[in-house]
Amino acid sequence: MNRMDDTGVAARPAPVRNSATRRLAVTGLAVTGLAATLAAMVATTLAAALARAVGVDFEIPDGGEAIPLPGFAVVTGFFSVVGIVIAGALLRWSARPAGRFVWTAASLTTISLVPPLVAGADTATTAALLVLHLVPAAIMIPTLARSLRTRSG
């Protein structure tokens, strides 16, 4: 009878990544990310329009002006692209890009919930803003994490 002294765990060899396959992986991530960004922008703007239709004014006390609907799309698009850049950097330089991305994105999403809580807006506006931070996160984080898992080998 043969006896094995190892733990039965074998290290998975690193995928062979030349510049062409790396470029394809980054391009695929970017295309997936931009499609998710558009979906997040639409979903967030529609959710804001729905909140406004039920009476949320989105007025922040310091400025006195209401946040316009296109503002939700612009901010969502900007920070979604920041997420794509972070995902691309992790794909390039991390051994575990998907796991690190989820941790990083979840941490940044949590931090993004602080401004609505301290802005001094009414309860309805604060609650709506909190939800509107979570809507694009619920679209972008799983989509980019799935894309990173597929592309990182």
N, C-alpha and C. Protein backbone atom coordinates (compact mmCIF):
# COMPACT_ATOMS: atom_id res chain seq x y z
N MET A 1 0.83 -1.16 0.00
CA MET A 1 0.00 0.00 0.00
C MET A 1 0.89 1.24 0.00
N ASN A 2 0.55 2.16 -0.83
CA ASN A 2 1.31 3.39 -0.93
C ASN A 2 0.75 4.42 0.03
N ARG A 3 1.63 5.14 0.62
CA ARG A 3 1.20 6.19 1.53
C ARG A 3 1.65 7.54 0.98
N MET A 4 0.73 8.50 1.03
CA MET A 4 1.06 9.84 0.55
C MET A 4 1.28 10.74 1.75
N ASP A 5 2.38 11.44 1.76
CA ASP A 5 2.69 12.34 2.86
C ASP A 5 2.24 13.78 2.61
N ASP A 6 1.74 14.04 1.42
CA ASP A 6 1.33 15.41 1.15
C ASP A 6 -0.12 15.61 1.62
N THR A 7 -0.54 16.81 1.60
CA THR A 7 -1.88 17.15 2.09
C THR A 7 -2.94 16.94 1.02
N GLY A 8 -2.56 16.60 -0.16
CA GLY A 8 -3.53 16.41 -1.22
C GLY A 8 -3.90 17.71 -1.92
N VAL A 9 -3.27 18.78 -1.52
CA VAL A 9 -3.54 20.07 -2.14
C VAL A 9 -2.38 20.41 -3.06
N ALA A 10 -2.71 20.60 -4.30
CA ALA A 10 -1.68 20.96 -5.26
C ALA A 10 -1.86 22.41 -5.66
N ALA A 11 -0.79 23.10 -5.76
CA ALA A 11 -0.86 24.49 -6.19
C ALA A 11 -1.26 24.53 -7.66
N ARG A 12 -2.20 25.37 -7.97
CA ARG A 12 -2.63 25.52 -9.35
C ARG A 12 -1.58 26.35 -10.07
N PRO A 13 -1.12 25.87 -11.21
CA PRO A 13 -0.12 26.67 -11.92
C PRO A 13 -0.73 27.98 -12.40
N ALA A 14 0.08 28.98 -12.38
CA ALA A 14 -0.37 30.30 -12.82
C ALA A 14 -0.66 30.24 -14.31
N PRO A 15 -1.73 30.90 -14.74
CA PRO A 15 -2.02 30.88 -16.17
C PRO A 15 -0.94 31.63 -16.94
N VAL A 16 -0.67 31.14 -18.12
CA VAL A 16 0.31 31.80 -18.97
C VAL A 16 -0.36 33.05 -19.52
N ARG A 17 0.21 34.20 -19.22
CA ARG A 17 -0.38 35.47 -19.63
C ARG A 17 0.63 36.24 -20.47
N ASN A 18 0.45 36.23 -21.75
CA ASN A 18 1.29 37.10 -22.56
C ASN A 18 0.55 38.41 -22.78
N SER A 19 1.18 39.32 -23.44
CA SER A 19 0.58 40.65 -23.57
C SER A 19 -0.73 40.61 -24.36
N ALA A 20 -0.87 39.72 -25.32
CA ALA A 20 -2.10 39.64 -26.10
C ALA A 20 -3.26 39.13 -25.25
N THR A 21 -3.03 38.08 -24.46
CA THR A 21 -4.12 37.56 -23.62
C THR A 21 -4.46 38.55 -22.50
N ARG A 22 -3.46 39.24 -21.99
CA ARG A 22 -3.71 40.25 -20.97
C ARG A 22 -4.56 41.39 -21.55
N ARG A 23 -4.23 41.82 -22.75
CA ARG A 23 -4.97 42.89 -23.41
C ARG A 23 -6.42 42.46 -23.65
N LEU A 24 -6.62 41.21 -24.08
CA LEU A 24 -7.97 40.70 -24.28
C LEU A 24 -8.75 40.65 -22.98
N ALA A 25 -8.09 40.25 -21.90
CA ALA A 25 -8.76 40.19 -20.60
C ALA A 25 -9.17 41.57 -20.13
N VAL A 26 -8.29 42.54 -20.27
CA VAL A 26 -8.60 43.91 -19.86
C VAL A 26 -9.69 44.51 -20.74
N THR A 27 -9.61 44.25 -22.05
CA THR A 27 -10.64 44.74 -22.96
C THR A 27 -12.00 44.14 -22.63
N GLY A 28 -12.03 42.84 -22.38
CA GLY A 28 -13.28 42.18 -22.01
C GLY A 28 -13.85 42.73 -20.71
N LEU A 29 -12.98 42.98 -19.75
CA LEU A 29 -13.41 43.56 -18.48
C LEU A 29 -13.98 44.96 -18.71
N ALA A 30 -13.32 45.74 -19.55
CA ALA A 30 -13.77 47.10 -19.82
C ALA A 30 -15.13 47.10 -20.52
N VAL A 31 -15.32 46.23 -21.49
CA VAL A 31 -16.59 46.16 -22.21
C VAL A 31 -17.71 45.73 -21.26
N THR A 32 -17.45 44.71 -20.47
CA THR A 32 -18.44 44.25 -19.48
C THR A 32 -18.73 45.37 -18.48
N GLY A 33 -17.68 46.03 -18.02
CA GLY A 33 -17.84 47.11 -17.05
C GLY A 33 -18.63 48.28 -17.60
N LEU A 34 -18.38 48.65 -18.85
CA LEU A 34 -19.11 49.77 -19.43
C LEU A 34 -20.59 49.43 -19.65
N ALA A 35 -20.87 48.19 -20.02
CA ALA A 35 -22.27 47.77 -20.14
C ALA A 35 -22.96 47.81 -18.77
N ALA A 36 -22.26 47.34 -17.75
CA ALA A 36 -22.82 47.39 -16.39
C ALA A 36 -22.98 48.83 -15.92
N THR A 37 -22.05 49.70 -16.32
CA THR A 37 -22.15 51.12 -15.96
C THR A 37 -23.42 51.73 -16.54
N LEU A 38 -23.69 51.46 -17.80
CA LEU A 38 -24.91 51.98 -18.42
C LEU A 38 -26.15 51.45 -17.70
N ALA A 39 -26.14 50.17 -17.36
CA ALA A 39 -27.27 49.58 -16.63
C ALA A 39 -27.43 50.24 -15.26
N ALA A 40 -26.31 50.47 -14.58
CA ALA A 40 -26.36 51.09 -13.25
C ALA A 40 -26.85 52.53 -13.35
N MET A 41 -26.43 53.25 -14.38
CA MET A 41 -26.87 54.64 -14.56
C MET A 41 -28.38 54.70 -14.79
N VAL A 42 -28.88 53.82 -15.64
CA VAL A 42 -30.32 53.78 -15.93
C VAL A 42 -31.09 53.39 -14.68
N ALA A 43 -30.64 52.34 -14.00
CA ALA A 43 -31.36 51.86 -12.82
C ALA A 43 -31.38 52.92 -11.72
N THR A 44 -30.27 53.58 -11.50
CA THR A 44 -30.20 54.60 -10.45
C THR A 44 -31.08 55.80 -10.80
N THR A 45 -31.03 56.23 -12.04
CA THR A 45 -31.85 57.37 -12.46
C THR A 45 -33.34 57.03 -12.38
N LEU A 46 -33.71 55.82 -12.79
CA LEU A 46 -35.11 55.41 -12.68
C LEU A 46 -35.55 55.32 -11.22
N ALA A 47 -34.68 54.80 -10.36
CA ALA A 47 -35.02 54.73 -8.93
C ALA A 47 -35.16 56.13 -8.34
N ALA A 48 -34.31 57.05 -8.75
CA ALA A 48 -34.41 58.43 -8.27
C ALA A 48 -35.70 59.08 -8.78
N ALA A 49 -36.06 58.81 -10.03
CA ALA A 49 -37.30 59.36 -10.58
C ALA A 49 -38.51 58.79 -9.84
N LEU A 50 -38.45 57.52 -9.52
CA LEU A 50 -39.53 56.89 -8.76
C LEU A 50 -39.64 57.52 -7.36
N ALA A 51 -38.49 57.71 -6.72
CA ALA A 51 -38.49 58.34 -5.39
C ALA A 51 -39.04 59.76 -5.47
N ARG A 52 -38.65 60.50 -6.49
CA ARG A 52 -39.16 61.86 -6.66
C ARG A 52 -40.68 61.83 -6.91
N ALA A 53 -41.16 60.84 -7.65
CA ALA A 53 -42.60 60.72 -7.95
C ALA A 53 -43.42 60.45 -6.69
N VAL A 54 -42.81 59.79 -5.69
CA VAL A 54 -43.55 59.53 -4.45
C VAL A 54 -43.30 60.59 -3.39
N GLY A 55 -42.62 61.68 -3.78
CA GLY A 55 -42.52 62.82 -2.88
C GLY A 55 -41.17 63.13 -2.28
N VAL A 56 -40.13 62.40 -2.63
CA VAL A 56 -38.79 62.72 -2.11
C VAL A 56 -38.26 63.91 -2.88
N ASP A 57 -37.84 64.95 -2.17
CA ASP A 57 -37.43 66.18 -2.86
C ASP A 57 -35.93 66.25 -3.18
N PHE A 58 -35.11 65.42 -2.58
CA PHE A 58 -33.66 65.39 -2.78
C PHE A 58 -33.02 66.75 -2.55
N GLU A 59 -33.57 67.50 -1.62
CA GLU A 59 -33.01 68.81 -1.28
C GLU A 59 -32.02 68.65 -0.14
N ILE A 60 -30.82 69.15 -0.37
CA ILE A 60 -29.77 69.12 0.65
C ILE A 60 -29.76 70.49 1.33
N PRO A 61 -29.87 70.55 2.66
CA PRO A 61 -30.04 71.82 3.37
C PRO A 61 -28.96 72.86 3.10
N ASP A 62 -27.70 72.48 3.00
CA ASP A 62 -26.64 73.47 2.84
C ASP A 62 -26.76 74.25 1.54
N GLY A 63 -27.04 73.57 0.46
CA GLY A 63 -27.14 74.24 -0.84
C GLY A 63 -28.52 74.76 -1.13
N GLY A 64 -29.53 74.15 -0.56
CA GLY A 64 -30.89 74.58 -0.76
C GLY A 64 -31.50 74.16 -2.08
N GLU A 65 -30.70 73.57 -2.97
CA GLU A 65 -31.22 73.12 -4.25
C GLU A 65 -31.39 71.61 -4.23
N ALA A 66 -32.35 71.16 -5.01
CA ALA A 66 -32.58 69.72 -5.14
C ALA A 66 -31.57 69.12 -6.12
N ILE A 67 -31.19 67.89 -5.88
CA ILE A 67 -30.29 67.19 -6.80
C ILE A 67 -31.10 66.87 -8.06
N PRO A 68 -30.63 67.28 -9.24
CA PRO A 68 -31.36 67.00 -10.47
C PRO A 68 -31.21 65.53 -10.88
N LEU A 69 -32.18 65.00 -11.58
CA LEU A 69 -32.12 63.59 -12.01
C LEU A 69 -30.87 63.27 -12.83
N PRO A 70 -30.47 64.12 -13.79
CA PRO A 70 -29.25 63.79 -14.54
C PRO A 70 -28.01 63.71 -13.63
N GLY A 71 -28.04 64.40 -12.51
CA GLY A 71 -26.92 64.34 -11.57
C GLY A 71 -26.69 62.93 -11.04
N PHE A 72 -27.77 62.19 -10.84
CA PHE A 72 -27.64 60.81 -10.38
C PHE A 72 -26.93 59.95 -11.42
N ALA A 73 -27.29 60.15 -12.69
CA ALA A 73 -26.66 59.39 -13.77
C ALA A 73 -25.18 59.73 -13.89
N VAL A 74 -24.85 61.01 -13.81
CA VAL A 74 -23.45 61.44 -13.96
C VAL A 74 -22.58 60.88 -12.83
N VAL A 75 -23.03 61.03 -11.61
CA VAL A 75 -22.24 60.55 -10.47
C VAL A 75 -22.12 59.03 -10.51
N THR A 76 -23.21 58.35 -10.84
CA THR A 76 -23.17 56.88 -10.96
C THR A 76 -22.18 56.47 -12.03
N GLY A 77 -22.22 57.12 -13.18
CA GLY A 77 -21.30 56.79 -14.27
C GLY A 77 -19.85 57.02 -13.89
N PHE A 78 -19.58 58.14 -13.24
CA PHE A 78 -18.21 58.46 -12.85
C PHE A 78 -17.65 57.40 -11.89
N PHE A 79 -18.39 57.12 -10.82
CA PHE A 79 -17.86 56.19 -9.83
C PHE A 79 -17.88 54.74 -10.32
N SER A 80 -18.75 54.42 -11.26
CA SER A 80 -18.71 53.09 -11.86
C SER A 80 -17.45 52.92 -12.69
N VAL A 81 -17.07 53.96 -13.42
CA VAL A 81 -15.82 53.91 -14.20
C VAL A 81 -14.62 53.80 -13.25
N VAL A 82 -14.67 54.49 -12.12
CA VAL A 82 -13.61 54.33 -11.12
C VAL A 82 -13.53 52.86 -10.69
N GLY A 83 -14.68 52.23 -10.50
CA GLY A 83 -14.70 50.81 -10.14
C GLY A 83 -14.09 49.93 -11.22
N ILE A 84 -14.35 50.26 -12.48
CA ILE A 84 -13.76 49.49 -13.58
C ILE A 84 -12.24 49.64 -13.57
N VAL A 85 -11.75 50.83 -13.32
CA VAL A 85 -10.30 51.07 -13.26
C VAL A 85 -9.68 50.27 -12.11
N ILE A 86 -10.34 50.26 -10.95
CA ILE A 86 -9.85 49.47 -9.82
C ILE A 86 -9.83 47.99 -10.18
N ALA A 87 -10.90 47.51 -10.81
CA ALA A 87 -10.96 46.11 -11.23
C ALA A 87 -9.84 45.78 -12.22
N GLY A 88 -9.60 46.68 -13.16
CA GLY A 88 -8.52 46.47 -14.13
C GLY A 88 -7.16 46.42 -13.47
N ALA A 89 -6.93 47.29 -12.51
CA ALA A 89 -5.65 47.28 -11.78
C ALA A 89 -5.49 45.98 -11.01
N LEU A 90 -6.56 45.53 -10.38
CA LEU A 90 -6.48 44.27 -9.62
C LEU A 90 -6.28 43.08 -10.56
N LEU A 91 -6.91 43.12 -11.73
CA LEU A 91 -6.70 42.05 -12.71
C LEU A 91 -5.24 41.98 -13.12
N ARG A 92 -4.62 43.13 -13.23
CA ARG A 92 -3.22 43.20 -13.66
C ARG A 92 -2.25 42.82 -12.56
N TRP A 93 -2.51 43.28 -11.31
CA TRP A 93 -1.49 43.15 -10.28
C TRP A 93 -1.85 42.28 -9.09
N SER A 94 -3.01 41.70 -9.05
CA SER A 94 -3.38 40.89 -7.89
C SER A 94 -3.46 39.41 -8.26
N ALA A 95 -3.06 38.57 -7.32
CA ALA A 95 -3.18 37.13 -7.53
C ALA A 95 -4.63 36.69 -7.38
N ARG A 96 -5.42 37.43 -6.62
CA ARG A 96 -6.84 37.12 -6.40
C ARG A 96 -7.67 38.37 -6.70
N PRO A 97 -7.80 38.74 -7.96
CA PRO A 97 -8.45 40.01 -8.28
C PRO A 97 -9.94 40.07 -7.89
N ALA A 98 -10.68 39.00 -8.06
CA ALA A 98 -12.12 39.04 -7.77
C ALA A 98 -12.37 39.24 -6.28
N GLY A 99 -11.70 38.47 -5.46
CA GLY A 99 -11.88 38.60 -4.01
C GLY A 99 -11.46 39.96 -3.49
N ARG A 100 -10.34 40.44 -3.97
CA ARG A 100 -9.87 41.76 -3.54
C ARG A 100 -10.80 42.87 -4.04
N PHE A 101 -11.34 42.69 -5.26
CA PHE A 101 -12.26 43.69 -5.77
C PHE A 101 -13.53 43.76 -4.93
N VAL A 102 -14.09 42.62 -4.61
CA VAL A 102 -15.32 42.60 -3.81
C VAL A 102 -15.07 43.28 -2.46
N TRP A 103 -13.95 42.96 -1.82
CA TRP A 103 -13.64 43.56 -0.53
C TRP A 103 -13.47 45.07 -0.67
N THR A 104 -12.73 45.50 -1.67
CA THR A 104 -12.48 46.93 -1.89
C THR A 104 -13.77 47.67 -2.23
N ALA A 105 -14.54 47.12 -3.16
CA ALA A 105 -15.78 47.79 -3.59
C ALA A 105 -16.80 47.84 -2.46
N ALA A 106 -16.90 46.78 -1.69
CA ALA A 106 -17.85 46.78 -0.56
C ALA A 106 -17.41 47.81 0.49
N SER A 107 -16.12 47.92 0.72
CA SER A 107 -15.62 48.92 1.67
C SER A 107 -15.90 50.34 1.18
N LEU A 108 -15.65 50.59 -0.09
CA LEU A 108 -15.90 51.92 -0.65
C LEU A 108 -17.40 52.25 -0.67
N THR A 109 -18.22 51.25 -0.94
CA THR A 109 -19.67 51.46 -0.90
C THR A 109 -20.11 51.82 0.51
N THR A 110 -19.57 51.13 1.49
CA THR A 110 -19.91 51.43 2.89
C THR A 110 -19.51 52.86 3.24
N ILE A 111 -18.32 53.26 2.82
CA ILE A 111 -17.87 54.63 3.08
C ILE A 111 -18.77 55.64 2.37
N SER A 112 -19.27 55.29 1.19
CA SER A 112 -20.13 56.21 0.44
C SER A 112 -21.48 56.45 1.11
N LEU A 113 -21.83 55.62 2.07
CA LEU A 113 -23.10 55.80 2.78
C LEU A 113 -23.01 56.88 3.86
N VAL A 114 -21.82 57.31 4.20
CA VAL A 114 -21.65 58.31 5.27
C VAL A 114 -22.19 59.69 4.86
N PRO A 115 -21.84 60.25 3.69
CA PRO A 115 -22.32 61.59 3.36
C PRO A 115 -23.84 61.76 3.43
N PRO A 116 -24.65 60.82 2.90
CA PRO A 116 -26.10 61.03 3.05
C PRO A 116 -26.54 61.07 4.52
N LEU A 117 -25.83 60.35 5.37
CA LEU A 117 -26.21 60.32 6.79
C LEU A 117 -25.86 61.62 7.52
N VAL A 118 -24.85 62.32 7.06
CA VAL A 118 -24.42 63.53 7.76
C VAL A 118 -24.81 64.82 7.02
N ALA A 119 -25.50 64.70 5.88
CA ALA A 119 -25.83 65.87 5.08
C ALA A 119 -26.91 66.74 5.72
N GLY A 120 -27.69 66.18 6.62
CA GLY A 120 -28.73 66.96 7.27
C GLY A 120 -30.03 67.06 6.48
N ALA A 121 -30.20 66.20 5.49
CA ALA A 121 -31.44 66.20 4.71
C ALA A 121 -32.55 65.54 5.53
N ASP A 122 -33.78 65.70 5.05
CA ASP A 122 -34.89 65.07 5.76
C ASP A 122 -34.79 63.54 5.64
N THR A 123 -35.60 62.86 6.42
CA THR A 123 -35.51 61.39 6.51
C THR A 123 -35.76 60.73 5.16
N ALA A 124 -36.75 61.19 4.43
CA ALA A 124 -37.06 60.58 3.14
C ALA A 124 -35.90 60.73 2.16
N THR A 125 -35.32 61.91 2.12
CA THR A 125 -34.18 62.14 1.21
C THR A 125 -32.99 61.28 1.63
N THR A 126 -32.71 61.24 2.92
CA THR A 126 -31.59 60.44 3.41
C THR A 126 -31.78 58.97 3.06
N ALA A 127 -32.96 58.44 3.33
CA ALA A 127 -33.24 57.03 3.03
C ALA A 127 -33.11 56.76 1.53
N ALA A 128 -33.67 57.65 0.72
CA ALA A 128 -33.59 57.47 -0.73
C ALA A 128 -32.15 57.52 -1.22
N LEU A 129 -31.36 58.44 -0.69
CA LEU A 129 -29.95 58.53 -1.09
C LEU A 129 -29.17 57.28 -0.69
N LEU A 130 -29.48 56.73 0.48
CA LEU A 130 -28.81 55.49 0.89
C LEU A 130 -29.13 54.36 -0.09
N VAL A 131 -30.40 54.24 -0.44
CA VAL A 131 -30.80 53.21 -1.40
C VAL A 131 -30.14 53.46 -2.75
N LEU A 132 -30.07 54.73 -3.15
CA LEU A 132 -29.49 55.06 -4.45
C LEU A 132 -27.97 54.84 -4.49
N HIS A 133 -27.34 54.70 -3.35
CA HIS A 133 -25.93 54.30 -3.33
C HIS A 133 -25.82 52.78 -3.51
N LEU A 134 -26.81 52.06 -3.02
CA LEU A 134 -26.76 50.61 -3.07
C LEU A 134 -27.20 50.04 -4.42
N VAL A 135 -28.05 50.77 -5.15
CA VAL A 135 -28.54 50.28 -6.45
C VAL A 135 -27.38 50.04 -7.43
N PRO A 136 -26.52 51.03 -7.69
CA PRO A 136 -25.43 50.74 -8.64
C PRO A 136 -24.42 49.74 -8.08
N ALA A 137 -24.23 49.74 -6.76
CA ALA A 137 -23.31 48.76 -6.17
C ALA A 137 -23.82 47.34 -6.41
N ALA A 138 -25.14 47.16 -6.32
CA ALA A 138 -25.73 45.84 -6.54
C ALA A 138 -25.60 45.39 -7.99
N ILE A 139 -25.40 46.32 -8.88
CA ILE A 139 -25.20 45.97 -10.29
C ILE A 139 -23.71 45.80 -10.60
N MET A 140 -22.92 46.78 -10.19
CA MET A 140 -21.51 46.82 -10.59
C MET A 140 -20.65 45.76 -9.90
N ILE A 141 -20.80 45.61 -8.59
CA ILE A 141 -19.89 44.72 -7.85
C ILE A 141 -20.01 43.27 -8.33
N PRO A 142 -21.20 42.68 -8.38
CA PRO A 142 -21.26 41.28 -8.85
C PRO A 142 -20.83 41.12 -10.30
N THR A 143 -21.18 42.09 -11.15
CA THR A 143 -20.83 41.98 -12.56
C THR A 143 -19.32 42.01 -12.75
N LEU A 144 -18.65 42.97 -12.12
CA LEU A 144 -17.20 43.05 -12.26
C LEU A 144 -16.49 41.89 -11.57
N ALA A 145 -16.99 41.45 -10.43
CA ALA A 145 -16.37 40.31 -9.75
C ALA A 145 -16.48 39.05 -10.61
N ARG A 146 -17.63 38.83 -11.21
CA ARG A 146 -17.82 37.67 -12.09
C ARG A 146 -16.87 37.77 -13.28
N SER A 147 -16.75 38.95 -13.85
CA SER A 147 -15.86 39.16 -14.98
C SER A 147 -14.40 38.91 -14.58
N LEU A 148 -14.03 39.36 -13.40
CA LEU A 148 -12.65 39.11 -12.93
C LEU A 148 -12.39 37.63 -12.71
N ARG A 149 -13.37 36.90 -12.19
CA ARG A 149 -13.20 35.46 -11.98
C ARG A 149 -12.99 34.75 -13.31
N THR A 150 -13.72 35.16 -14.33
CA THR A 150 -13.61 34.52 -15.63
C THR A 150 -12.30 34.86 -16.32
N ARG A 151 -11.82 36.05 -16.13
CA ARG A 151 -10.66 36.51 -16.87
C ARG A 151 -9.33 36.29 -16.15
N SER A 152 -9.37 35.97 -14.87
CA SER A 152 -8.11 35.83 -14.14
C SER A 152 -7.57 34.41 -14.18
N GLY A 153 -8.24 33.56 -14.84
CA GLY A 153 -7.69 32.22 -15.03
C GLY A 153 -8.27 31.29 -14.08
